[in-house]
């Protein structure tokens, strides 16, 4: 299970990258308040015409929130599940540049 501290570390890395690399990021991101459905983050300009949802997972079981993935599919959002471990290490600009390059909308 991912701790609140780990979530904040990961969120800080994404926020730093969004400032440094100039992309929009909303974290956390509410999908459906009545269902209490929240993604770790949302990048509106990447992944698909509706944007990219980011979920986090952690070894050894790499649990995924299937409810969010189903919501994303139904609403035509790109959804990616990240291993949180690299986000807990030292900040790495290249890590985020690779994400932006992979998720460009063409």
PDB file of N, CA and C in Angstrom:
ATOM      1  N   UNK A   1       0.840  -1.184   0.000  1.00  0.00           N
ATOM      2  CA  UNK A   1       0.000   0.000   0.000  1.00  0.00           C
ATOM      3  C   UNK A   1       0.889   1.254   0.000  1.00  0.00           C
ATOM      4  N   UNK A   2       0.462   2.236  -0.748  1.00  0.00           N
ATOM      5  CA  UNK A   2       1.201   3.491  -0.857  1.00  0.00           C
ATOM      6  C   UNK A   2       0.814   4.414   0.297  1.00  0.00           C
ATOM      7  N   UNK A   3       1.812   4.919   0.987  1.00  0.00           N
ATOM      8  CA  UNK A   3       1.554   5.799   2.131  1.00  0.00           C
ATOM      9  C   UNK A   3       1.274   7.230   1.655  1.00  0.00           C
ATOM     10  N   UNK A   4       0.694   8.011   2.535  1.00  0.00           N
ATOM     11  CA  UNK A   4       0.446   9.427   2.228  1.00  0.00           C
ATOM     12  C   UNK A   4       1.751  10.169   1.968  1.00  0.00           C
ATOM     13  N   UNK A   5       2.781   9.837   2.719  1.00  0.00           N
ATOM     14  CA  UNK A   5       4.103  10.455   2.536  1.00  0.00           C
ATOM     15  C   UNK A   5       4.648  10.154   1.140  1.00  0.00           C
ATOM     16  N   UNK A   6       4.528   8.911   0.700  1.00  0.00           N
ATOM     17  CA  UNK A   6       4.985   8.536  -0.636  1.00  0.00           C
ATOM     18  C   UNK A   6       4.187   9.263  -1.719  1.00  0.00           C
ATOM     19  N   UNK A   7       2.883   9.393  -1.508  1.00  0.00           N
ATOM     20  CA  UNK A   7       2.056  10.140  -2.463  1.00  0.00           C
ATOM     21  C   UNK A   7       2.522  11.586  -2.579  1.00  0.00           C
ATOM     22  N   UNK A   8       2.832  12.209  -1.455  1.00  0.00           N
ATOM     23  CA  UNK A   8       3.288  13.602  -1.475  1.00  0.00           C
ATOM     24  C   UNK A   8       4.641  13.748  -2.163  1.00  0.00           C
ATOM     25  N   UNK A   9       5.538  12.799  -1.944  1.00  0.00           N
ATOM     26  CA  UNK A   9       6.841  12.835  -2.618  1.00  0.00           C
ATOM     27  C   UNK A   9       6.635  12.734  -4.133  1.00  0.00           C
ATOM     28  N   UNK A  10       5.811  11.779  -4.559  1.00  0.00           N
ATOM     29  CA  UNK A  10       5.539  11.605  -5.990  1.00  0.00           C
ATOM     30  C   UNK A  10       4.862  12.841  -6.572  1.00  0.00           C
ATOM     31  N   UNK A  11       3.913  13.394  -5.832  1.00  0.00           N
ATOM     32  CA  UNK A  11       3.203  14.592  -6.293  1.00  0.00           C
ATOM     33  C   UNK A  11       4.164  15.775  -6.437  1.00  0.00           C
ATOM     34  N   UNK A  12       5.066  15.915  -5.475  1.00  0.00           N
ATOM     35  CA  UNK A  12       6.064  16.991  -5.553  1.00  0.00           C
ATOM     36  C   UNK A  12       6.945  16.849  -6.792  1.00  0.00           C
ATOM     37  N   UNK A  13       7.325  15.624  -7.139  1.00  0.00           N
ATOM     38  CA  UNK A  13       8.150  15.396  -8.331  1.00  0.00           C
ATOM     39  C   UNK A  13       7.379  15.773  -9.590  1.00  0.00           C
ATOM     40  N   UNK A  14       6.118  15.365  -9.674  1.00  0.00           N
ATOM     41  CA  UNK A  14       5.304  15.716 -10.842  1.00  0.00           C
ATOM     42  C   UNK A  14       5.092  17.227 -10.922  1.00  0.00           C
ATOM     43  N   UNK A  15       4.859  17.867  -9.805  1.00  0.00           N
ATOM     44  CA  UNK A  15       4.665  19.324  -9.820  1.00  0.00           C
ATOM     45  C   UNK A  15       5.940  20.049 -10.242  1.00  0.00           C
ATOM     46  N   UNK A  16       7.071  19.600  -9.746  1.00  0.00           N
ATOM     47  CA  UNK A  16       8.348  20.193 -10.150  1.00  0.00           C
ATOM     48  C   UNK A  16       8.540  20.033 -11.655  1.00  0.00           C
ATOM     49  N   UNK A  17       8.267  18.843 -12.163  1.00  0.00           N
ATOM     50  CA  UNK A  17       8.404  18.598 -13.604  1.00  0.00           C
ATOM     51  C   UNK A  17       7.443  19.470 -14.405  1.00  0.00           C
ATOM     52  N   UNK A  18       6.223  19.633 -13.918  1.00  0.00           N
ATOM     53  CA  UNK A  18       5.253  20.448 -14.668  1.00  0.00           C
ATOM     54  C   UNK A  18       5.700  21.901 -14.755  1.00  0.00           C
ATOM     55  N   UNK A  19       6.334  22.401 -13.717  1.00  0.00           N
ATOM     56  CA  UNK A  19       6.863  23.764 -13.735  1.00  0.00           C
ATOM     57  C   UNK A  19       8.089  23.849 -14.637  1.00  0.00           C
ATOM     58  N   UNK A  20       9.007  22.920 -14.454  1.00  0.00           N
ATOM     59  CA  UNK A  20      10.259  22.922 -15.213  1.00  0.00           C
ATOM     60  C   UNK A  20      10.043  22.681 -16.708  1.00  0.00           C
ATOM     61  N   UNK A  21       9.113  21.784 -17.048  1.00  0.00           N
ATOM     62  CA  UNK A  21       8.912  21.391 -18.444  1.00  0.00           C
ATOM     63  C   UNK A  21       7.660  22.007 -19.064  1.00  0.00           C
ATOM     64  N   UNK A  22       6.977  22.832 -18.286  1.00  0.00           N
ATOM     65  CA  UNK A  22       5.839  23.602 -18.770  1.00  0.00           C
ATOM     66  C   UNK A  22       4.697  22.751 -19.325  1.00  0.00           C
ATOM     67  N   UNK A  23       4.176  21.851 -18.482  1.00  0.00           N
ATOM     68  CA  UNK A  23       2.961  21.125 -18.853  1.00  0.00           C
ATOM     69  C   UNK A  23       1.946  21.274 -17.722  1.00  0.00           C
ATOM     70  N   UNK A  24       0.678  21.176 -18.096  1.00  0.00           N
ATOM     71  CA  UNK A  24      -0.384  21.315 -17.101  1.00  0.00           C
ATOM     72  C   UNK A  24      -0.583  19.990 -16.364  1.00  0.00           C
ATOM     73  N   UNK A  25      -0.789  20.106 -15.053  1.00  0.00           N
ATOM     74  CA  UNK A  25      -0.978  18.945 -14.189  1.00  0.00           C
ATOM     75  C   UNK A  25      -1.989  19.316 -13.112  1.00  0.00           C
ATOM     76  N   UNK A  26      -2.926  18.410 -12.877  1.00  0.00           N
ATOM     77  CA  UNK A  26      -3.877  18.572 -11.771  1.00  0.00           C
ATOM     78  C   UNK A  26      -3.730  17.331 -10.900  1.00  0.00           C
ATOM     79  N   UNK A  27      -3.381  17.540  -9.637  1.00  0.00           N
ATOM     80  CA  UNK A  27      -3.163  16.406  -8.746  1.00  0.00           C
ATOM     81  C   UNK A  27      -3.518  16.773  -7.318  1.00  0.00           C
ATOM     82  N   UNK A  28      -4.391  15.999  -6.696  1.00  0.00           N
ATOM     83  CA  UNK A  28      -5.167  14.879  -7.205  1.00  0.00           C
ATOM     84  C   UNK A  28      -6.237  15.362  -8.182  1.00  0.00           C
ATOM     85  N   UNK A  29      -6.860  14.413  -8.876  1.00  0.00           N
ATOM     86  CA  UNK A  29      -7.858  14.759  -9.883  1.00  0.00           C
ATOM     87  C   UNK A  29      -9.150  13.991  -9.614  1.00  0.00           C
ATOM     88  N   UNK A  30     -10.236  14.722  -9.433  1.00  0.00           N
ATOM     89  CA  UNK A  30     -11.536  14.125  -9.136  1.00  0.00           C
ATOM     90  C   UNK A  30     -12.230  13.689 -10.430  1.00  0.00           C
ATOM     91  N   UNK A  31     -12.570  12.419 -10.505  1.00  0.00           N
ATOM     92  CA  UNK A  31     -13.301  11.881 -11.652  1.00  0.00           C
ATOM     93  C   UNK A  31     -14.801  11.898 -11.395  1.00  0.00           C
ATOM     94  N   UNK A  32     -15.174  11.499 -10.187  1.00  0.00           N
ATOM     95  CA  UNK A  32     -16.590  11.443  -9.824  1.00  0.00           C
ATOM     96  C   UNK A  32     -16.690  11.591  -8.311  1.00  0.00           C
ATOM     97  N   UNK A  33     -17.042  12.790  -7.876  1.00  0.00           N
ATOM     98  CA  UNK A  33     -17.088  13.071  -6.438  1.00  0.00           C
ATOM     99  C   UNK A  33     -18.106  12.198  -5.719  1.00  0.00           C
ATOM    100  N   UNK A  34     -19.265  11.955  -6.351  1.00  0.00           N
ATOM    101  CA  UNK A  34     -20.300  11.154  -5.697  1.00  0.00           C
ATOM    102  C   UNK A  34     -19.842   9.718  -5.453  1.00  0.00           C
ATOM    103  N   UNK A  35     -18.927   9.215  -6.302  1.00  0.00           N
ATOM    104  CA  UNK A  35     -18.391   7.866  -6.132  1.00  0.00           C
ATOM    105  C   UNK A  35     -17.092   7.872  -5.337  1.00  0.00           C
ATOM    106  N   UNK A  36     -16.577   9.073  -5.018  1.00  0.00           N
ATOM    107  CA  UNK A  36     -15.294   9.182  -4.331  1.00  0.00           C
ATOM    108  C   UNK A  36     -14.150   8.680  -5.192  1.00  0.00           C
ATOM    109  N   UNK A  37     -14.250   8.939  -6.495  1.00  0.00           N
ATOM    110  CA  UNK A  37     -13.286   8.416  -7.464  1.00  0.00           C
ATOM    111  C   UNK A  37     -12.278   9.493  -7.836  1.00  0.00           C
ATOM    112  N   UNK A  38     -11.021   9.266  -7.446  1.00  0.00           N
ATOM    113  CA  UNK A  38      -9.939  10.223  -7.675  1.00  0.00           C
ATOM    114  C   UNK A  38      -8.734   9.514  -8.292  1.00  0.00           C
ATOM    115  N   UNK A  39      -8.129  10.153  -9.275  1.00  0.00           N
ATOM    116  CA  UNK A  39      -6.858   9.676  -9.836  1.00  0.00           C
ATOM    117  C   UNK A  39      -5.730  10.442  -9.158  1.00  0.00           C
ATOM    118  N   UNK A  40      -4.528   9.870  -9.186  1.00  0.00           N
ATOM    119  CA  UNK A  40      -3.372  10.561  -8.637  1.00  0.00           C
ATOM    120  C   UNK A  40      -3.178  11.901  -9.332  1.00  0.00           C
ATOM    121  N   UNK A  41      -3.294  11.904 -10.666  1.00  0.00           N
ATOM    122  CA  UNK A  41      -3.083  13.146 -11.417  1.00  0.00           C
ATOM    123  C   UNK A  41      -3.749  13.069 -12.788  1.00  0.00           C
ATOM    124  N   UNK A  42      -3.850  14.242 -13.383  1.00  0.00           N
ATOM    125  CA  UNK A  42      -4.418  14.389 -14.725  1.00  0.00           C
ATOM    126  C   UNK A  42      -3.560  15.371 -15.502  1.00  0.00           C
ATOM    127  N   UNK A  43      -3.221  14.992 -16.737  1.00  0.00           N
ATOM    128  CA  UNK A  43      -2.486  15.869 -17.646  1.00  0.00           C
ATOM    129  C   UNK A  43      -3.388  16.107 -18.854  1.00  0.00           C
ATOM    130  N   UNK A  44      -4.029  17.275 -18.938  1.00  0.00           N
ATOM    131  CA  UNK A  44      -5.039  17.509 -19.974  1.00  0.00           C
ATOM    132  C   UNK A  44      -4.517  17.577 -21.403  1.00  0.00           C
ATOM    133  N   UNK A  45      -3.243  17.812 -21.600  1.00  0.00           N
ATOM    134  CA  UNK A  45      -2.724  18.021 -22.949  1.00  0.00           C
ATOM    135  C   UNK A  45      -1.938  16.831 -23.494  1.00  0.00           C
ATOM    136  N   UNK A  46      -2.040  15.693 -22.858  1.00  0.00           N
ATOM    137  CA  UNK A  46      -1.246  14.530 -23.254  1.00  0.00           C
ATOM    138  C   UNK A  46      -2.087  13.264 -23.236  1.00  0.00           C
ATOM    139  N   UNK A  47      -1.620  12.271 -23.973  1.00  0.00           N
ATOM    140  CA  UNK A  47      -2.188  10.936 -23.905  1.00  0.00           C
ATOM    141  C   UNK A  47      -3.343  10.665 -24.844  1.00  0.00           C
ATOM    142  N   UNK A  48      -4.329  11.551 -24.870  1.00  0.00           N
ATOM    143  CA  UNK A  48      -5.495  11.392 -25.733  1.00  0.00           C
ATOM    144  C   UNK A  48      -6.186  12.737 -25.862  1.00  0.00           C
ATOM    145  N   UNK A  49      -7.186  12.797 -26.703  1.00  0.00           N
ATOM    146  CA  UNK A  49      -7.917  14.063 -26.865  1.00  0.00           C
ATOM    147  C   UNK A  49      -8.560  14.512 -25.555  1.00  0.00           C
ATOM    148  N   UNK A  50      -8.815  13.572 -24.652  1.00  0.00           N
ATOM    149  CA  UNK A  50      -9.404  13.903 -23.357  1.00  0.00           C
ATOM    150  C   UNK A  50      -8.371  14.016 -22.244  1.00  0.00           C
ATOM    151  N   UNK A  51      -7.099  13.772 -22.566  1.00  0.00           N
ATOM    152  CA  UNK A  51      -6.045  13.884 -21.574  1.00  0.00           C
ATOM    153  C   UNK A  51      -5.615  12.543 -21.021  1.00  0.00           C
ATOM    154  N   UNK A  52      -4.695  12.600 -20.064  1.00  0.00           N
ATOM    155  CA  UNK A  52      -4.117  11.398 -19.466  1.00  0.00           C
ATOM    156  C   UNK A  52      -4.340  11.370 -17.961  1.00  0.00           C
ATOM    157  N   UNK A  53      -4.853  10.256 -17.479  1.00  0.00           N
ATOM    158  CA  UNK A  53      -4.982  10.023 -16.048  1.00  0.00           C
ATOM    159  C   UNK A  53      -3.770   9.227 -15.580  1.00  0.00           C
ATOM    160  N   UNK A  54      -3.274   9.568 -14.418  1.00  0.00           N
ATOM    161  CA  UNK A  54      -2.115   8.876 -13.859  1.00  0.00           C
ATOM    162  C   UNK A  54      -2.533   8.205 -12.555  1.00  0.00           C
ATOM    163  N   UNK A  55      -2.251   6.915 -12.480  1.00  0.00           N
ATOM    164  CA  UNK A  55      -2.456   6.143 -11.266  1.00  0.00           C
ATOM    165  C   UNK A  55      -1.095   5.665 -10.794  1.00  0.00           C
ATOM    166  N   UNK A  56      -0.971   5.363  -9.519  1.00  0.00           N
ATOM    167  CA  UNK A  56       0.289   4.876  -8.967  1.00  0.00           C
ATOM    168  C   UNK A  56       0.103   3.479  -8.394  1.00  0.00           C
ATOM    169  N   UNK A  57       1.159   2.702  -8.489  1.00  0.00           N
ATOM    170  CA  UNK A  57       1.168   1.349  -7.975  1.00  0.00           C
ATOM    171  C   UNK A  57       2.506   1.117  -7.280  1.00  0.00           C
ATOM    172  N   UNK A  58       2.589   0.030  -6.531  1.00  0.00           N
ATOM    173  CA  UNK A  58       3.811  -0.228  -5.761  1.00  0.00           C
ATOM    174  C   UNK A  58       4.066  -1.729  -5.682  1.00  0.00           C
ATOM    175  N   UNK A  59       5.335  -2.119  -5.830  1.00  0.00           N
ATOM    176  CA  UNK A  59       5.651  -3.543  -5.674  1.00  0.00           C
ATOM    177  C   UNK A  59       5.390  -3.992  -4.235  1.00  0.00           C
ATOM    178  N   UNK A  60       5.190  -5.220  -3.966  1.00  0.00           N
ATOM    179  CA  UNK A  60       5.349  -6.340  -4.887  1.00  0.00           C
ATOM    180  C   UNK A  60       4.077  -6.715  -5.632  1.00  0.00           C
ATOM    181  N   UNK A  61       2.926  -6.192  -5.227  1.00  0.00           N
ATOM    182  CA  UNK A  61       1.679  -6.659  -5.841  1.00  0.00           C
ATOM    183  C   UNK A  61       1.166  -5.773  -6.979  1.00  0.00           C
ATOM    184  N   UNK A  62       1.659  -4.559  -7.078  1.00  0.00           N
ATOM    185  CA  UNK A  62       1.267  -3.646  -8.150  1.00  0.00           C
ATOM    186  C   UNK A  62      -0.256  -3.570  -8.326  1.00  0.00           C
ATOM    187  N   UNK A  63      -0.955  -3.349  -7.228  1.00  0.00           N
ATOM    188  CA  UNK A  63      -2.410  -3.220  -7.305  1.00  0.00           C
ATOM    189  C   UNK A  63      -2.807  -2.073  -8.206  1.00  0.00           C
ATOM    190  N   UNK A  64      -3.890  -2.252  -8.917  1.00  0.00           N
ATOM    191  CA  UNK A  64      -4.424  -1.217  -9.798  1.00  0.00           C
ATOM    192  C   UNK A  64      -5.861  -0.946  -9.403  1.00  0.00           C
ATOM    193  N   UNK A  65      -6.256   0.294  -9.512  1.00  0.00           N
ATOM    194  CA  UNK A  65      -7.634   0.660  -9.221  1.00  0.00           C
ATOM    195  C   UNK A  65      -8.455   0.424 -10.479  1.00  0.00           C
ATOM    196  N   UNK A  66      -9.037  -0.753 -10.578  1.00  0.00           N
ATOM    197  CA  UNK A  66      -9.768  -1.125 -11.794  1.00  0.00           C
ATOM    198  C   UNK A  66     -10.989  -0.228 -12.022  1.00  0.00           C
ATOM    199  N   UNK A  67     -11.556   0.306 -10.961  1.00  0.00           N
ATOM    200  CA  UNK A  67     -12.706   1.195 -11.108  1.00  0.00           C
ATOM    201  C   UNK A  67     -12.320   2.460 -11.881  1.00  0.00           C
ATOM    202  N   UNK A  68     -11.147   3.004 -11.599  1.00  0.00           N
ATOM    203  CA  UNK A  68     -10.672   4.186 -12.315  1.00  0.00           C
ATOM    204  C   UNK A  68     -10.332   3.831 -13.758  1.00  0.00           C
ATOM    205  N   UNK A  69      -9.713   2.682 -13.964  1.00  0.00           N
ATOM    206  CA  UNK A  69      -9.374   2.253 -15.323  1.00  0.00           C
ATOM    207  C   UNK A  69     -10.643   2.062 -16.153  1.00  0.00           C
ATOM    208  N   UNK A  70     -11.657   1.466 -15.581  1.00  0.00           N
ATOM    209  CA  UNK A  70     -12.945   1.301 -16.278  1.00  0.00           C
ATOM    210  C   UNK A  70     -13.569   2.656 -16.588  1.00  0.00           C
ATOM    211  N   UNK A  71     -13.511   3.584 -15.630  1.00  0.00           N
ATOM    212  CA  UNK A  71     -14.038   4.932 -15.854  1.00  0.00           C
ATOM    213  C   UNK A  71     -13.300   5.595 -17.016  1.00  0.00           C
ATOM    214  N   UNK A  72     -11.974   5.485 -17.015  1.00  0.00           N
ATOM    215  CA  UNK A  72     -11.150   6.082 -18.069  1.00  0.00           C
ATOM    216  C   UNK A  72     -11.512   5.509 -19.441  1.00  0.00           C
ATOM    217  N   UNK A  73     -11.670   4.208 -19.520  1.00  0.00           N
ATOM    218  CA  UNK A  73     -12.044   3.586 -20.790  1.00  0.00           C
ATOM    219  C   UNK A  73     -13.416   4.055 -21.259  1.00  0.00           C
ATOM    220  N   UNK A  74     -14.353   4.102 -20.349  1.00  0.00           N
ATOM    221  CA  UNK A  74     -15.720   4.524 -20.689  1.00  0.00           C
ATOM    222  C   UNK A  74     -15.753   5.965 -21.195  1.00  0.00           C
ATOM    223  N   UNK A  75     -14.909   6.829 -20.628  1.00  0.00           N
ATOM    224  CA  UNK A  75     -14.916   8.249 -20.980  1.00  0.00           C
ATOM    225  C   UNK A  75     -13.803   8.634 -21.964  1.00  0.00           C
ATOM    226  N   UNK A  76     -13.127   7.626 -22.501  1.00  0.00           N
ATOM    227  CA  UNK A  76     -12.091   7.807 -23.522  1.00  0.00           C
ATOM    228  C   UNK A  76     -10.920   8.675 -23.065  1.00  0.00           C
ATOM    229  N   UNK A  77     -10.429   8.373 -21.871  1.00  0.00           N
ATOM    230  CA  UNK A  77      -9.216   8.994 -21.347  1.00  0.00           C
ATOM    231  C   UNK A  77      -8.078   7.988 -21.459  1.00  0.00           C
ATOM    232  N   UNK A  78      -6.889   8.479 -21.757  1.00  0.00           N
ATOM    233  CA  UNK A  78      -5.694   7.650 -21.663  1.00  0.00           C
ATOM    234  C   UNK A  78      -5.425   7.462 -20.175  1.00  0.00           C
ATOM    235  N   UNK A  79      -5.067   6.262 -19.780  1.00  0.00           N
ATOM    236  CA  UNK A  79      -4.811   5.986 -18.369  1.00  0.00           C
ATOM    237  C   UNK A  79      -3.523   5.188 -18.251  1.00  0.00           C
ATOM    238  N   UNK A  80      -2.632   5.650 -17.403  1.00  0.00           N
ATOM    239  CA  UNK A  80      -1.361   4.962 -17.206  1.00  0.00           C
ATOM    240  C   UNK A  80      -1.128   4.719 -15.718  1.00  0.00           C
ATOM    241  N   UNK A  81      -0.637   3.517 -15.426  1.00  0.00           N
ATOM    242  CA  UNK A  81      -0.331   3.152 -14.047  1.00  0.00           C
ATOM    243  C   UNK A  81       1.187   3.153 -13.893  1.00  0.00           C
ATOM    244  N   UNK A  82       1.680   3.997 -13.009  1.00  0.00           N
ATOM    245  CA  UNK A  82       3.110   4.151 -12.765  1.00  0.00           C
ATOM    246  C   UNK A  82       3.528   3.377 -11.528  1.00  0.00           C
ATOM    247  N   UNK A  83       4.695   2.778 -11.602  1.00  0.00           N
ATOM    248  CA  UNK A  83       5.359   2.250 -10.416  1.00  0.00           C
ATOM    249  C   UNK A  83       5.863   3.470  -9.648  1.00  0.00           C
ATOM    250  N   UNK A  84       5.475   3.602  -8.412  1.00  0.00           N
ATOM    251  CA  UNK A  84       5.853   4.780  -7.620  1.00  0.00           C
ATOM    252  C   UNK A  84       7.334   4.790  -7.250  1.00  0.00           C
ATOM    253  N   UNK A  85       7.982   3.636  -7.252  1.00  0.00           N
ATOM    254  CA  UNK A  85       9.370   3.542  -6.783  1.00  0.00           C
ATOM    255  C   UNK A  85      10.308   4.565  -7.438  1.00  0.00           C
ATOM    256  N   UNK A  86      10.341   4.710  -8.775  1.00  0.00           N
ATOM    257  CA  UNK A  86      11.248   5.701  -9.368  1.00  0.00           C
ATOM    258  C   UNK A  86      10.942   7.138  -8.939  1.00  0.00           C
ATOM    259  N   UNK A  87       9.705   7.397  -8.590  1.00  0.00           N
ATOM    260  CA  UNK A  87       9.322   8.743  -8.152  1.00  0.00           C
ATOM    261  C   UNK A  87       9.785   9.041  -6.732  1.00  0.00           C
ATOM    262  N   UNK A  88      10.168   8.009  -6.005  1.00  0.00           N
ATOM    263  CA  UNK A  88      10.642   8.199  -4.633  1.00  0.00           C
ATOM    264  C   UNK A  88      12.150   8.435  -4.595  1.00  0.00           C
ATOM    265  N   UNK A  89      12.801   8.172  -5.727  1.00  0.00           N
ATOM    266  CA  UNK A  89      14.239   8.413  -5.848  1.00  0.00           C
ATOM    267  C   UNK A  89      14.486   9.884  -6.147  1.00  0.00           C
ATOM    268  N   UNK A  90      15.732  10.218  -6.388  1.00  0.00           N
ATOM    269  CA  UNK A  90      16.123  11.583  -6.731  1.00  0.00           C
ATOM    270  C   UNK A  90      15.397  12.042  -7.996  1.00  0.00           C
ATOM    271  N   UNK A  91      15.025  13.305  -8.029  1.00  0.00           N
ATOM    272  CA  UNK A  91      14.331  13.875  -9.184  1.00  0.00           C
ATOM    273  C   UNK A  91      15.173  13.698 -10.445  1.00  0.00           C
ATOM    274  N   UNK A  92      14.508  13.293 -11.546  1.00  0.00           N
ATOM    275  CA  UNK A  92      15.189  13.029 -12.800  1.00  0.00           C
ATOM    276  C   UNK A  92      14.387  13.637 -13.952  1.00  0.00           C
ATOM    277  N   UNK A  93      14.886  14.716 -14.519  1.00  0.00           N
ATOM    278  CA  UNK A  93      14.193  15.392 -15.613  1.00  0.00           C
ATOM    279  C   UNK A  93      13.959  14.456 -16.783  1.00  0.00           C
ATOM    280  N   UNK A  94      14.922  13.597 -17.093  1.00  0.00           N
ATOM    281  CA  UNK A  94      14.806  12.679 -18.237  1.00  0.00           C
ATOM    282  C   UNK A  94      13.599  11.752 -18.101  1.00  0.00           C
ATOM    283  N   UNK A  95      13.297  11.341 -16.901  1.00  0.00           N
ATOM    284  CA  UNK A  95      12.137  10.484 -16.638  1.00  0.00           C
ATOM    285  C   UNK A  95      10.865  11.144 -17.162  1.00  0.00           C
ATOM    286  N   UNK A  96      10.710  12.416 -16.862  1.00  0.00           N
ATOM    287  CA  UNK A  96       9.518  13.140 -17.271  1.00  0.00           C
ATOM    288  C   UNK A  96       9.548  13.515 -18.755  1.00  0.00           C
ATOM    289  N   UNK A  97      10.714  13.795 -19.285  1.00  0.00           N
ATOM    290  CA  UNK A  97      10.827  14.062 -20.724  1.00  0.00           C
ATOM    291  C   UNK A  97      10.394  12.841 -21.531  1.00  0.00           C
ATOM    292  N   UNK A  98      10.748  11.655 -21.065  1.00  0.00           N
ATOM    293  CA  UNK A  98      10.328  10.424 -21.739  1.00  0.00           C
ATOM    294  C   UNK A  98       8.813  10.271 -21.721  1.00  0.00           C
ATOM    295  N   UNK A  99       8.191  10.589 -20.592  1.00  0.00           N
ATOM    296  CA  UNK A  99       6.727  10.517 -20.491  1.00  0.00           C
ATOM    297  C   UNK A  99       6.092  11.466 -21.503  1.00  0.00           C
ATOM    298  N   UNK A 100       6.547  12.705 -21.522  1.00  0.00           N
ATOM    299  CA  UNK A 100       5.970  13.701 -22.420  1.00  0.00           C
ATOM    300  C   UNK A 100       6.158  13.299 -23.874  1.00  0.00           C
ATOM    301  N   UNK A 101       7.305  12.750 -24.197  1.00  0.00           N
ATOM    302  CA  UNK A 101       7.564  12.309 -25.564  1.00  0.00           C
ATOM    303  C   UNK A 101       6.654  11.140 -25.944  1.00  0.00           C
ATOM    304  N   UNK A 102       6.510  10.177 -25.047  1.00  0.00           N
ATOM    305  CA  UNK A 102       5.658   9.010 -25.304  1.00  0.00           C
ATOM    306  C   UNK A 102       4.183   9.365 -25.412  1.00  0.00           C
ATOM    307  N   UNK A 103       3.750  10.359 -24.674  1.00  0.00           N
ATOM    308  CA  UNK A 103       2.330  10.673 -24.589  1.00  0.00           C
ATOM    309  C   UNK A 103       1.879  11.797 -25.508  1.00  0.00           C
ATOM    310  N   UNK A 104       2.754  12.284 -26.368  1.00  0.00           N
ATOM    311  CA  UNK A 104       2.347  13.352 -27.278  1.00  0.00           C
ATOM    312  C   UNK A 104       1.122  12.934 -28.068  1.00  0.00           C
ATOM    313  N   UNK A 105       0.233  13.856 -28.259  1.00  0.00           N
ATOM    314  CA  UNK A 105      -0.937  13.622 -29.094  1.00  0.00           C
ATOM    315  C   UNK A 105      -0.557  14.007 -30.511  1.00  0.00           C
ATOM    316  N   UNK A 106      -0.607  13.039 -31.415  1.00  0.00           N
ATOM    317  CA  UNK A 106      -0.204  13.317 -32.801  1.00  0.00           C
ATOM    318  C   UNK A 106      -1.402  13.433 -33.719  1.00  0.00           C
TER     319      UNK A 106
END
